[in-house]
Amino acid sequence: MLANKIAVIRLKRSLNAVNALDFERELTTAIMQNDCATLLIDLEQVESLDSAGLMALVSGLKLAQRLGRSLSLCSVSPTIKIIFEVTQLDRLFEIFECQSAFTRAYSRSCLSRA
């Protein structure tokens, strides 16, 4: 059984073709850690996102799901959120307003399982 450890990845500036592969490697490593059941990607400081960045996020989500782990997003700016809505990826990802909203939801979820 996985521990209830939450890993947080905070991205800065852009997630695009220039850095998407490096991000995907970092994401894969975080998901594969044996003690990480939940991963939160904080997009508060992300100013731009392209298709390569989206694909890296989707790839990470699919891997997490295959391993029975959780991957969520938080602090998505209105500009970036539009990209998720237009591509309908907002239906695939669990997106929280901020990290504290995620923490509250996660805590309630853990209590309901106890």
PDB file of N, CA and C in Angstrom:
ATOM      1  N   MET A   1       0.834  -1.193   0.000  1.00  0.00           N
ATOM      2  CA  MET A   1       0.000   0.000   0.000  1.00  0.00           C
ATOM      3  C   MET A   1       0.869   1.243   0.000  1.00  0.00           C
ATOM      4  N   LEU A   2       0.463   2.247  -0.778  1.00  0.00           N
ATOM      5  CA  LEU A   2       1.225   3.487  -0.868  1.00  0.00           C
ATOM      6  C   LEU A   2       0.986   4.364   0.349  1.00  0.00           C
ATOM      7  N   ALA A   3       2.030   5.059   0.743  1.00  0.00           N
ATOM      8  CA  ALA A   3       1.870   6.038   1.808  1.00  0.00           C
ATOM      9  C   ALA A   3       1.057   7.216   1.277  1.00  0.00           C
ATOM     10  N   ASN A   4       0.548   8.033   2.184  1.00  0.00           N
ATOM     11  CA  ASN A   4      -0.255   9.182   1.779  1.00  0.00           C
ATOM     12  C   ASN A   4       0.609  10.395   1.470  1.00  0.00           C
ATOM     13  N   LYS A   5       1.778  10.197   0.959  1.00  0.00           N
ATOM     14  CA  LYS A   5       2.682  11.298   0.660  1.00  0.00           C
ATOM     15  C   LYS A   5       2.190  12.069  -0.560  1.00  0.00           C
ATOM     16  N   ILE A   6       2.261  13.386  -0.454  1.00  0.00           N
ATOM     17  CA  ILE A   6       1.911  14.259  -1.568  1.00  0.00           C
ATOM     18  C   ILE A   6       3.194  14.910  -2.064  1.00  0.00           C
ATOM     19  N   ALA A   7       3.454  14.775  -3.353  1.00  0.00           N
ATOM     20  CA  ALA A   7       4.579  15.465  -3.972  1.00  0.00           C
ATOM     21  C   ALA A   7       4.023  16.660  -4.744  1.00  0.00           C
ATOM     22  N   VAL A   8       4.691  17.797  -4.620  1.00  0.00           N
ATOM     23  CA  VAL A   8       4.264  19.006  -5.313  1.00  0.00           C
ATOM     24  C   VAL A   8       5.363  19.428  -6.273  1.00  0.00           C
ATOM     25  N   ILE A   9       4.972  19.660  -7.520  1.00  0.00           N
ATOM     26  CA  ILE A   9       5.898  20.192  -8.521  1.00  0.00           C
ATOM     27  C   ILE A   9       5.402  21.587  -8.875  1.00  0.00           C
ATOM     28  N   ARG A  10       6.271  22.579  -8.712  1.00  0.00           N
ATOM     29  CA  ARG A  10       5.931  23.962  -9.043  1.00  0.00           C
ATOM     30  C   ARG A  10       6.653  24.354 -10.326  1.00  0.00           C
ATOM     31  N   LEU A  11       5.866  24.667 -11.323  1.00  0.00           N
ATOM     32  CA  LEU A  11       6.432  25.074 -12.604  1.00  0.00           C
ATOM     33  C   LEU A  11       6.563  26.585 -12.666  1.00  0.00           C
ATOM     34  N   LYS A  12       7.519  27.054 -13.464  1.00  0.00           N
ATOM     35  CA  LYS A  12       7.733  28.493 -13.628  1.00  0.00           C
ATOM     36  C   LYS A  12       7.779  28.849 -15.103  1.00  0.00           C
ATOM     37  N   ARG A  13       7.285  30.003 -15.394  1.00  0.00           N
ATOM     38  CA  ARG A  13       7.299  30.634 -16.718  1.00  0.00           C
ATOM     39  C   ARG A  13       6.529  29.880 -17.779  1.00  0.00           C
ATOM     40  N   SER A  14       7.173  28.941 -18.472  1.00  0.00           N
ATOM     41  CA  SER A  14       6.546  28.282 -19.619  1.00  0.00           C
ATOM     42  C   SER A  14       6.668  26.770 -19.524  1.00  0.00           C
ATOM     43  N   LEU A  15       5.681  26.115 -20.084  1.00  0.00           N
ATOM     44  CA  LEU A  15       5.755  24.674 -20.298  1.00  0.00           C
ATOM     45  C   LEU A  15       5.493  24.492 -21.788  1.00  0.00           C
ATOM     46  N   ASN A  16       6.591  24.289 -22.521  1.00  0.00           N
ATOM     47  CA  ASN A  16       6.479  24.268 -23.982  1.00  0.00           C
ATOM     48  C   ASN A  16       7.478  23.290 -24.587  1.00  0.00           C
ATOM     49  N   ALA A  17       7.582  23.318 -25.893  1.00  0.00           N
ATOM     50  CA  ALA A  17       8.448  22.381 -26.621  1.00  0.00           C
ATOM     51  C   ALA A  17       9.896  22.448 -26.147  1.00  0.00           C
ATOM     52  N   VAL A  18      10.321  23.582 -25.643  1.00  0.00           N
ATOM     53  CA  VAL A  18      11.709  23.740 -25.191  1.00  0.00           C
ATOM     54  C   VAL A  18      11.986  22.915 -23.941  1.00  0.00           C
ATOM     55  N   ASN A  19      11.029  22.867 -23.007  1.00  0.00           N
ATOM     56  CA  ASN A  19      11.287  22.201 -21.730  1.00  0.00           C
ATOM     57  C   ASN A  19      10.328  21.047 -21.408  1.00  0.00           C
ATOM     58  N   ALA A  20       9.425  20.721 -22.314  1.00  0.00           N
ATOM     59  CA  ALA A  20       8.410  19.693 -22.033  1.00  0.00           C
ATOM     60  C   ALA A  20       9.030  18.325 -21.762  1.00  0.00           C
ATOM     61  N   LEU A  21      10.041  17.949 -22.508  1.00  0.00           N
ATOM     62  CA  LEU A  21      10.659  16.641 -22.311  1.00  0.00           C
ATOM     63  C   LEU A  21      11.327  16.546 -20.937  1.00  0.00           C
ATOM     64  N   ASP A  22      12.034  17.593 -20.533  1.00  0.00           N
ATOM     65  CA  ASP A  22      12.648  17.601 -19.200  1.00  0.00           C
ATOM     66  C   ASP A  22      11.585  17.542 -18.115  1.00  0.00           C
ATOM     67  N   PHE A  23      10.502  18.296 -18.303  1.00  0.00           N
ATOM     68  CA  PHE A  23       9.408  18.270 -17.337  1.00  0.00           C
ATOM     69  C   PHE A  23       8.790  16.876 -17.265  1.00  0.00           C
ATOM     70  N   GLU A  24       8.581  16.257 -18.416  1.00  0.00           N
ATOM     71  CA  GLU A  24       7.979  14.922 -18.431  1.00  0.00           C
ATOM     72  C   GLU A  24       8.860  13.914 -17.692  1.00  0.00           C
ATOM     73  N   ARG A  25      10.165  14.027 -17.840  1.00  0.00           N
ATOM     74  CA  ARG A  25      11.083  13.146 -17.093  1.00  0.00           C
ATOM     75  C   ARG A  25      10.963  13.381 -15.588  1.00  0.00           C
ATOM     76  N   GLU A  26      10.928  14.647 -15.184  1.00  0.00           N
ATOM     77  CA  GLU A  26      10.782  14.980 -13.766  1.00  0.00           C
ATOM     78  C   GLU A  26       9.456  14.449 -13.228  1.00  0.00           C
ATOM     79  N   LEU A  27       8.412  14.603 -14.009  1.00  0.00           N
ATOM     80  CA  LEU A  27       7.083  14.134 -13.626  1.00  0.00           C
ATOM     81  C   LEU A  27       7.064  12.610 -13.496  1.00  0.00           C
ATOM     82  N   THR A  28       7.649  11.929 -14.445  1.00  0.00           N
ATOM     83  CA  THR A  28       7.711  10.457 -14.414  1.00  0.00           C
ATOM     84  C   THR A  28       8.456   9.985 -13.172  1.00  0.00           C
ATOM     85  N   THR A  29       9.570  10.626 -12.865  1.00  0.00           N
ATOM     86  CA  THR A  29      10.340  10.264 -11.675  1.00  0.00           C
ATOM     87  C   THR A  29       9.511  10.449 -10.415  1.00  0.00           C
ATOM     88  N   ALA A  30       8.805  11.571 -10.328  1.00  0.00           N
ATOM     89  CA  ALA A  30       7.982  11.835  -9.144  1.00  0.00           C
ATOM     90  C   ALA A  30       6.856  10.810  -9.022  1.00  0.00           C
ATOM     91  N   ILE A  31       6.230  10.469 -10.123  1.00  0.00           N
ATOM     92  CA  ILE A  31       5.124   9.499 -10.091  1.00  0.00           C
ATOM     93  C   ILE A  31       5.624   8.112  -9.724  1.00  0.00           C
ATOM     94  N   MET A  32       6.801   7.748 -10.191  1.00  0.00           N
ATOM     95  CA  MET A  32       7.334   6.408  -9.969  1.00  0.00           C
ATOM     96  C   MET A  32       7.874   6.193  -8.553  1.00  0.00           C
ATOM     97  N   GLN A  33       8.069   7.254  -7.787  1.00  0.00           N
ATOM     98  CA  GLN A  33       8.558   7.092  -6.421  1.00  0.00           C
ATOM     99  C   GLN A  33       7.574   6.223  -5.646  1.00  0.00           C
ATOM    100  N   ASN A  34       8.094   5.220  -4.988  1.00  0.00           N
ATOM    101  CA  ASN A  34       7.247   4.249  -4.300  1.00  0.00           C
ATOM    102  C   ASN A  34       6.403   4.843  -3.194  1.00  0.00           C
ATOM    103  N   ASP A  35       6.845   5.933  -2.586  1.00  0.00           N
ATOM    104  CA  ASP A  35       6.101   6.493  -1.459  1.00  0.00           C
ATOM    105  C   ASP A  35       5.188   7.649  -1.869  1.00  0.00           C
ATOM    106  N   CYS A  36       5.022   7.882  -3.165  1.00  0.00           N
ATOM    107  CA  CYS A  36       4.208   9.004  -3.630  1.00  0.00           C
ATOM    108  C   CYS A  36       2.890   8.501  -4.213  1.00  0.00           C
ATOM    109  N   ALA A  37       1.804   8.712  -3.474  1.00  0.00           N
ATOM    110  CA  ALA A  37       0.488   8.291  -3.938  1.00  0.00           C
ATOM    111  C   ALA A  37      -0.229   9.419  -4.676  1.00  0.00           C
ATOM    112  N   THR A  38       0.135  10.664  -4.369  1.00  0.00           N
ATOM    113  CA  THR A  38      -0.565  11.824  -4.913  1.00  0.00           C
ATOM    114  C   THR A  38       0.444  12.861  -5.369  1.00  0.00           C
ATOM    115  N   LEU A  39       0.209  13.379  -6.562  1.00  0.00           N
ATOM    116  CA  LEU A  39       1.085  14.399  -7.125  1.00  0.00           C
ATOM    117  C   LEU A  39       0.253  15.620  -7.463  1.00  0.00           C
ATOM    118  N   LEU A  40       0.716  16.777  -7.042  1.00  0.00           N
ATOM    119  CA  LEU A  40       0.056  18.042  -7.335  1.00  0.00           C
ATOM    120  C   LEU A  40       1.007  18.893  -8.165  1.00  0.00           C
ATOM    121  N   ILE A  41       0.520  19.371  -9.289  1.00  0.00           N
ATOM    122  CA  ILE A  41       1.322  20.251 -10.137  1.00  0.00           C
ATOM    123  C   ILE A  41       0.765  21.655  -9.988  1.00  0.00           C
ATOM    124  N   ASP A  42       1.597  22.539  -9.448  1.00  0.00           N
ATOM    125  CA  ASP A  42       1.214  23.926  -9.190  1.00  0.00           C
ATOM    126  C   ASP A  42       1.612  24.769 -10.407  1.00  0.00           C
ATOM    127  N   LEU A  43       0.605  25.333 -11.067  1.00  0.00           N
ATOM    128  CA  LEU A  43       0.840  26.107 -12.297  1.00  0.00           C
ATOM    129  C   LEU A  43       0.747  27.613 -12.063  1.00  0.00           C
ATOM    130  N   GLU A  44       0.823  28.043 -10.821  1.00  0.00           N
ATOM    131  CA  GLU A  44       0.641  29.456 -10.489  1.00  0.00           C
ATOM    132  C   GLU A  44       1.577  30.379 -11.274  1.00  0.00           C
ATOM    133  N   GLN A  45       2.813  29.982 -11.470  1.00  0.00           N
ATOM    134  CA  GLN A  45       3.786  30.850 -12.128  1.00  0.00           C
ATOM    135  C   GLN A  45       3.960  30.549 -13.615  1.00  0.00           C
ATOM    136  N   VAL A  46       3.105  29.688 -14.165  1.00  0.00           N
ATOM    137  CA  VAL A  46       3.201  29.353 -15.593  1.00  0.00           C
ATOM    138  C   VAL A  46       2.498  30.434 -16.402  1.00  0.00           C
ATOM    139  N   GLU A  47       3.248  31.031 -17.313  1.00  0.00           N
ATOM    140  CA  GLU A  47       2.723  32.119 -18.142  1.00  0.00           C
ATOM    141  C   GLU A  47       2.270  31.634 -19.510  1.00  0.00           C
ATOM    142  N   SER A  48       2.853  30.523 -19.987  1.00  0.00           N
ATOM    143  CA  SER A  48       2.458  30.003 -21.297  1.00  0.00           C
ATOM    144  C   SER A  48       2.553  28.488 -21.313  1.00  0.00           C
ATOM    145  N   LEU A  49       1.702  27.898 -22.155  1.00  0.00           N
ATOM    146  CA  LEU A  49       1.604  26.450 -22.262  1.00  0.00           C
ATOM    147  C   LEU A  49       1.279  26.127 -23.715  1.00  0.00           C
ATOM    148  N   ASP A  50       2.058  25.224 -24.319  1.00  0.00           N
ATOM    149  CA  ASP A  50       1.758  24.834 -25.702  1.00  0.00           C
ATOM    150  C   ASP A  50       1.384  23.354 -25.750  1.00  0.00           C
ATOM    151  N   SER A  51       1.201  22.843 -26.964  1.00  0.00           N
ATOM    152  CA  SER A  51       0.748  21.458 -27.130  1.00  0.00           C
ATOM    153  C   SER A  51       1.748  20.456 -26.562  1.00  0.00           C
ATOM    154  N   ALA A  52       3.041  20.742 -26.655  1.00  0.00           N
ATOM    155  CA  ALA A  52       4.046  19.835 -26.092  1.00  0.00           C
ATOM    156  C   ALA A  52       3.913  19.784 -24.567  1.00  0.00           C
ATOM    157  N   GLY A  53       3.657  20.920 -23.956  1.00  0.00           N
ATOM    158  CA  GLY A  53       3.442  20.966 -22.515  1.00  0.00           C
ATOM    159  C   GLY A  53       2.195  20.211 -22.103  1.00  0.00           C
ATOM    160  N   LEU A  54       1.126  20.397 -22.882  1.00  0.00           N
ATOM    161  CA  LEU A  54      -0.112  19.658 -22.607  1.00  0.00           C
ATOM    162  C   LEU A  54       0.116  18.158 -22.707  1.00  0.00           C
ATOM    163  N   MET A  55       0.842  17.740 -23.725  1.00  0.00           N
ATOM    164  CA  MET A  55       1.107  16.311 -23.911  1.00  0.00           C
ATOM    165  C   MET A  55       1.925  15.741 -22.757  1.00  0.00           C
ATOM    166  N   ALA A  56       2.858  16.512 -22.236  1.00  0.00           N
ATOM    167  CA  ALA A  56       3.643  16.062 -21.084  1.00  0.00           C
ATOM    168  C   ALA A  56       2.731  15.867 -19.871  1.00  0.00           C
ATOM    169  N   LEU A  57       1.796  16.790 -19.669  1.00  0.00           N
ATOM    170  CA  LEU A  57       0.853  16.662 -18.559  1.00  0.00           C
ATOM    171  C   LEU A  57      -0.050  15.447 -18.737  1.00  0.00           C
ATOM    172  N   VAL A  58      -0.558  15.250 -19.945  1.00  0.00           N
ATOM    173  CA  VAL A  58      -1.437  14.099 -20.222  1.00  0.00           C
ATOM    174  C   VAL A  58      -0.675  12.794 -20.036  1.00  0.00           C
ATOM    175  N   SER A  59       0.556  12.756 -20.504  1.00  0.00           N
ATOM    176  CA  SER A  59       1.379  11.557 -20.343  1.00  0.00           C
ATOM    177  C   SER A  59       1.574  11.232 -18.860  1.00  0.00           C
ATOM    178  N   GLY A  60       1.848  12.257 -18.063  1.00  0.00           N
ATOM    179  CA  GLY A  60       1.999  12.055 -16.621  1.00  0.00           C
ATOM    180  C   GLY A  60       0.723  11.569 -15.975  1.00  0.00           C
ATOM    181  N   LEU A  61      -0.405  12.131 -16.387  1.00  0.00           N
ATOM    182  CA  LEU A  61      -1.694  11.709 -15.836  1.00  0.00           C
ATOM    183  C   LEU A  61      -1.968  10.248 -16.162  1.00  0.00           C
ATOM    184  N   LYS A  62      -1.709   9.842 -17.404  1.00  0.00           N
ATOM    185  CA  LYS A  62      -1.940   8.449 -17.804  1.00  0.00           C
ATOM    186  C   LYS A  62      -1.058   7.496 -17.006  1.00  0.00           C
ATOM    187  N   LEU A  63       0.208   7.864 -16.814  1.00  0.00           N
ATOM    188  CA  LEU A  63       1.106   7.020 -16.023  1.00  0.00           C
ATOM    189  C   LEU A  63       0.611   6.918 -14.591  1.00  0.00           C
ATOM    190  N   ALA A  64       0.233   8.032 -14.006  1.00  0.00           N
ATOM    191  CA  ALA A  64      -0.271   8.017 -12.631  1.00  0.00           C
ATOM    192  C   ALA A  64      -1.493   7.112 -12.520  1.00  0.00           C
ATOM    193  N   GLN A  65      -2.400   7.226 -13.460  1.00  0.00           N
ATOM    194  CA  GLN A  65      -3.606   6.391 -13.423  1.00  0.00           C
ATOM    195  C   GLN A  65      -3.273   4.914 -13.560  1.00  0.00           C
ATOM    196  N   ARG A  66      -2.334   4.578 -14.441  1.00  0.00           N
ATOM    197  CA  ARG A  66      -1.928   3.171 -14.604  1.00  0.00           C
ATOM    198  C   ARG A  66      -1.364   2.603 -13.312  1.00  0.00           C
ATOM    199  N   LEU A  67      -0.691   3.448 -12.543  1.00  0.00           N
ATOM    200  CA  LEU A  67      -0.068   3.005 -11.298  1.00  0.00           C
ATOM    201  C   LEU A  67      -0.997   3.165 -10.092  1.00  0.00           C
ATOM    202  N   GLY A  68      -2.232   3.593 -10.329  1.00  0.00           N
ATOM    203  CA  GLY A  68      -3.186   3.760  -9.242  1.00  0.00           C
ATOM    204  C   GLY A  68      -2.893   4.959  -8.371  1.00  0.00           C
ATOM    205  N   ARG A  69      -2.285   5.965  -8.960  1.00  0.00           N
ATOM    206  CA  ARG A  69      -1.933   7.172  -8.217  1.00  0.00           C
ATOM    207  C   ARG A  69      -2.745   8.356  -8.715  1.00  0.00           C
ATOM    208  N   SER A  70      -2.660   9.430  -7.995  1.00  0.00           N
ATOM    209  CA  SER A  70      -3.461  10.611  -8.296  1.00  0.00           C
ATOM    210  C   SER A  70      -2.559  11.739  -8.785  1.00  0.00           C
ATOM    211  N   LEU A  71      -3.020  12.466  -9.793  1.00  0.00           N
ATOM    212  CA  LEU A  71      -2.308  13.641 -10.289  1.00  0.00           C
ATOM    213  C   LEU A  71      -3.335  14.750 -10.485  1.00  0.00           C
ATOM    214  N   SER A  72      -3.110  15.870  -9.827  1.00  0.00           N
ATOM    215  CA  SER A  72      -4.019  17.016  -9.908  1.00  0.00           C
ATOM    216  C   SER A  72      -3.232  18.267 -10.241  1.00  0.00           C
ATOM    217  N   LEU A  73      -3.961  19.295 -10.674  1.00  0.00           N
ATOM    218  CA  LEU A  73      -3.381  20.598 -10.991  1.00  0.00           C
ATOM    219  C   LEU A  73      -3.971  21.640 -10.057  1.00  0.00           C
ATOM    220  N   CYS A  74      -3.208  22.696  -9.792  1.00  0.00           N
ATOM    221  CA  CYS A  74      -3.763  23.804  -9.013  1.00  0.00           C
ATOM    222  C   CYS A  74      -3.197  25.123  -9.505  1.00  0.00           C
ATOM    223  N   SER A  75      -3.870  26.193  -9.097  1.00  0.00           N
ATOM    224  CA  SER A  75      -3.444  27.567  -9.372  1.00  0.00           C
ATOM    225  C   SER A  75      -3.259  27.832 -10.859  1.00  0.00           C
ATOM    226  N   VAL A  76      -4.234  27.410 -11.634  1.00  0.00           N
ATOM    227  CA  VAL A  76      -4.184  27.582 -13.086  1.00  0.00           C
ATOM    228  C   VAL A  76      -4.734  28.974 -13.413  1.00  0.00           C
ATOM    229  N   SER A  77      -3.931  29.792 -14.061  1.00  0.00           N
ATOM    230  CA  SER A  77      -4.365  31.152 -14.396  1.00  0.00           C
ATOM    231  C   SER A  77      -5.510  31.099 -15.411  1.00  0.00           C
ATOM    232  N   PRO A  78      -6.305  32.151 -15.481  1.00  0.00           N
ATOM    233  CA  PRO A  78      -7.410  32.177 -16.451  1.00  0.00           C
ATOM    234  C   PRO A  78      -6.938  31.959 -17.895  1.00  0.00           C
ATOM    235  N   THR A  79      -5.792  32.506 -18.247  1.00  0.00           N
ATOM    236  CA  THR A  79      -5.258  32.346 -19.598  1.00  0.00           C
ATOM    237  C   THR A  79      -4.926  30.890 -19.892  1.00  0.00           C
ATOM    238  N   ILE A  80      -4.308  30.215 -18.960  1.00  0.00           N
ATOM    239  CA  ILE A  80      -3.951  28.803 -19.134  1.00  0.00           C
ATOM    240  C   ILE A  80      -5.201  27.928 -19.026  1.00  0.00           C
ATOM    241  N   LYS A  81      -6.122  28.311 -18.152  1.00  0.00           N
ATOM    242  CA  LYS A  81      -7.347  27.526 -17.984  1.00  0.00           C
ATOM    243  C   LYS A  81      -8.154  27.465 -19.279  1.00  0.00           C
ATOM    244  N   ILE A  82      -8.129  28.528 -20.048  1.00  0.00           N
ATOM    245  CA  ILE A  82      -8.827  28.547 -21.335  1.00  0.00           C
ATOM    246  C   ILE A  82      -8.290  27.443 -22.243  1.00  0.00           C
ATOM    247  N   ILE A  83      -6.989  27.218 -22.214  1.00  0.00           N
ATOM    248  CA  ILE A  83      -6.381  26.159 -23.030  1.00  0.00           C
ATOM    249  C   ILE A  83      -6.953  24.796 -22.623  1.00  0.00           C
ATOM    250  N   PHE A  84      -7.063  24.568 -21.313  1.00  0.00           N
ATOM    251  CA  PHE A  84      -7.633  23.307 -20.841  1.00  0.00           C
ATOM    252  C   PHE A  84      -9.098  23.177 -21.250  1.00  0.00           C
ATOM    253  N   GLU A  85      -9.828  24.275 -21.208  1.00  0.00           N
ATOM    254  CA  GLU A  85     -11.242  24.233 -21.581  1.00  0.00           C
ATOM    255  C   GLU A  85     -11.430  23.993 -23.080  1.00  0.00           C
ATOM    256  N   VAL A  86     -10.676  24.696 -23.913  1.00  0.00           N
ATOM    257  CA  VAL A  86     -10.798  24.554 -25.366  1.00  0.00           C
ATOM    258  C   VAL A  86     -10.444  23.137 -25.805  1.00  0.00           C
ATOM    259  N   THR A  87      -9.441  22.552 -25.174  1.00  0.00           N
ATOM    260  CA  THR A  87      -9.024  21.193 -25.522  1.00  0.00           C
ATOM    261  C   THR A  87      -9.834  20.133 -24.768  1.00  0.00           C
ATOM    262  N   GLN A  88     -10.721  20.579 -23.897  1.00  0.00           N
ATOM    263  CA  GLN A  88     -11.556  19.724 -23.047  1.00  0.00           C
ATOM    264  C   GLN A  88     -10.738  18.881 -22.072  1.00  0.00           C
ATOM    265  N   LEU A  89      -9.512  19.279 -21.840  1.00  0.00           N
ATOM    266  CA  LEU A  89      -8.683  18.572 -20.864  1.00  0.00           C
ATOM    267  C   LEU A  89      -9.089  18.928 -19.434  1.00  0.00           C
ATOM    268  N   ASP A  90      -9.900  19.978 -19.273  1.00  0.00           N
ATOM    269  CA  ASP A  90     -10.410  20.290 -17.938  1.00  0.00           C
ATOM    270  C   ASP A  90     -11.340  19.188 -17.444  1.00  0.00           C
ATOM    271  N   ARG A  91     -11.830  18.358 -18.355  1.00  0.00           N
ATOM    272  CA  ARG A  91     -12.662  17.215 -17.977  1.00  0.00           C
ATOM    273  C   ARG A  91     -11.819  16.017 -17.545  1.00  0.00           C
ATOM    274  N   LEU A  92     -10.571  16.008 -17.961  1.00  0.00           N
ATOM    275  CA  LEU A  92      -9.662  14.902 -17.666  1.00  0.00           C
ATOM    276  C   LEU A  92      -8.897  15.140 -16.360  1.00  0.00           C
ATOM    277  N   PHE A  93      -8.473  16.373 -16.157  1.00  0.00           N
ATOM    278  CA  PHE A  93      -7.676  16.721 -14.977  1.00  0.00           C
ATOM    279  C   PHE A  93      -8.563  17.241 -13.860  1.00  0.00           C
ATOM    280  N   GLU A  94      -8.185  16.902 -12.639  1.00  0.00           N
ATOM    281  CA  GLU A  94      -8.812  17.517 -11.482  1.00  0.00           C
ATOM    282  C   GLU A  94      -8.027  18.804 -11.213  1.00  0.00           C
ATOM    283  N   ILE A  95      -8.717  19.936 -11.320  1.00  0.00           N
ATOM    284  CA  ILE A  95      -8.066  21.238 -11.213  1.00  0.00           C
ATOM    285  C   ILE A  95      -8.616  21.961  -9.986  1.00  0.00           C
ATOM    286  N   PHE A  96      -7.705  22.385  -9.117  1.00  0.00           N
ATOM    287  CA  PHE A  96      -8.074  23.097  -7.900  1.00  0.00           C
ATOM    288  C   PHE A  96      -7.676  24.561  -8.016  1.00  0.00           C
ATOM    289  N   GLU A  97      -8.455  25.419  -7.348  1.00  0.00           N
ATOM    290  CA  GLU A  97      -8.212  26.862  -7.401  1.00  0.00           C
ATOM    291  C   GLU A  97      -6.816  27.221  -6.880  1.00  0.00           C
ATOM    292  N   CYS A  98      -6.413  26.560  -5.794  1.00  0.00           N
ATOM    293  CA  CYS A  98      -5.115  26.837  -5.184  1.00  0.00           C
ATOM    294  C   CYS A  98      -4.667  25.597  -4.409  1.00  0.00           C
ATOM    295  N   GLN A  99      -3.447  25.648  -3.900  1.00  0.00           N
ATOM    296  CA  GLN A  99      -2.921  24.496  -3.182  1.00  0.00           C
ATOM    297  C   GLN A  99      -3.704  24.227  -1.898  1.00  0.00           C
ATOM    298  N   SER A 100      -4.159  25.264  -1.224  1.00  0.00           N
ATOM    299  CA  SER A 100      -4.921  25.032   0.006  1.00  0.00           C
ATOM    300  C   SER A 100      -6.273  24.384  -0.293  1.00  0.00           C
ATOM    301  N   ALA A 101      -6.895  24.709  -1.429  1.00  0.00           N
ATOM    302  CA  ALA A 101      -8.150  24.045  -1.820  1.00  0.00           C
ATOM    303  C   ALA A 101      -7.895  22.564  -2.067  1.00  0.00           C
ATOM    304  N   PHE A 102      -6.781  22.252  -2.703  1.00  0.00           N
ATOM    305  CA  PHE A 102      -6.402  20.850  -2.912  1.00  0.00           C
ATOM    306  C   PHE A 102      -6.213  20.156  -1.562  1.00  0.00           C
ATOM    307  N   THR A 103      -5.489  20.799  -0.660  1.00  0.00           N
ATOM    308  CA  THR A 103      -5.200  20.206   0.647  1.00  0.00           C
ATOM    309  C   THR A 103      -6.483  19.930   1.419  1.00  0.00           C
ATOM    310  N   ARG A 104      -7.437  20.868   1.378  1.00  0.00           N
ATOM    311  CA  ARG A 104      -8.719  20.655   2.063  1.00  0.00           C
ATOM    312  C   ARG A 104      -9.456  19.451   1.458  1.00  0.00           C
ATOM    313  N   ALA A 105      -9.519  19.394   0.126  1.00  0.00           N
ATOM    314  CA  ALA A 105     -10.217  18.275  -0.537  1.00  0.00           C
ATOM    315  C   ALA A 105      -9.515  16.954  -0.249  1.00  0.00           C
ATOM    316  N   TYR A 106      -8.185  16.956  -0.270  1.00  0.00           N
ATOM    317  CA  TYR A 106      -7.406  15.751  -0.019  1.00  0.00           C
ATOM    318  C   TYR A 106      -7.630  15.270   1.420  1.00  0.00           C
ATOM    319  N   SER A 107      -7.637  16.210   2.368  1.00  0.00           N
ATOM    320  CA  SER A 107      -7.856  15.851   3.776  1.00  0.00           C
ATOM    321  C   SER A 107      -9.236  15.241   3.972  1.00  0.00           C
ATOM    322  N   ARG A 108     -10.270  15.830   3.352  1.00  0.00           N
ATOM    323  CA  ARG A 108     -11.624  15.273   3.454  1.00  0.00           C
ATOM    324  C   ARG A 108     -11.672  13.871   2.852  1.00  0.00           C
ATOM    325  N   SER A 109     -10.981  13.689   1.730  1.00  0.00           N
ATOM    326  CA  SER A 109     -10.960  12.386   1.067  1.00  0.00           C
ATOM    327  C   SER A 109     -10.308  11.334   1.960  1.00  0.00           C
ATOM    328  N   CYS A 110      -9.211  11.698   2.605  1.00  0.00           N
ATOM    329  CA  CYS A 110      -8.524  10.754   3.497  1.00  0.00           C
ATOM    330  C   CYS A 110      -9.393  10.416   4.705  1.00  0.00           C
ATOM    331  N   LEU A 111     -10.113  11.403   5.232  1.00  0.00           N
ATOM    332  CA  LEU A 111     -10.986  11.146   6.382  1.00  0.00           C
ATOM    333  C   LEU A 111     -12.144  10.239   5.999  1.00  0.00           C
ATOM    334  N   SER A 112     -12.689  10.416   4.810  1.00  0.00           N
ATOM    335  CA  SER A 112     -13.824   9.578   4.401  1.00  0.00           C
ATOM    336  C   SER A 112     -13.406   8.141   4.144  1.00  0.00           C
ATOM    337  N   ARG A 113     -12.126   7.908   3.840  1.00  0.00           N
ATOM    338  CA  ARG A 113     -11.641   6.537   3.628  1.00  0.00           C
ATOM    339  C   ARG A 113     -11.287   5.847   4.932  1.00  0.00           C
ATOM    340  N   ALA A 114     -11.116   6.635   5.990  1.00  0.00           N
ATOM    341  CA  ALA A 114     -10.668   6.056   7.284  1.00  0.00           C
ATOM    342  C   ALA A 114     -11.783   5.301   7.974  1.00  0.00           C
TER     343      ALA A 114
END
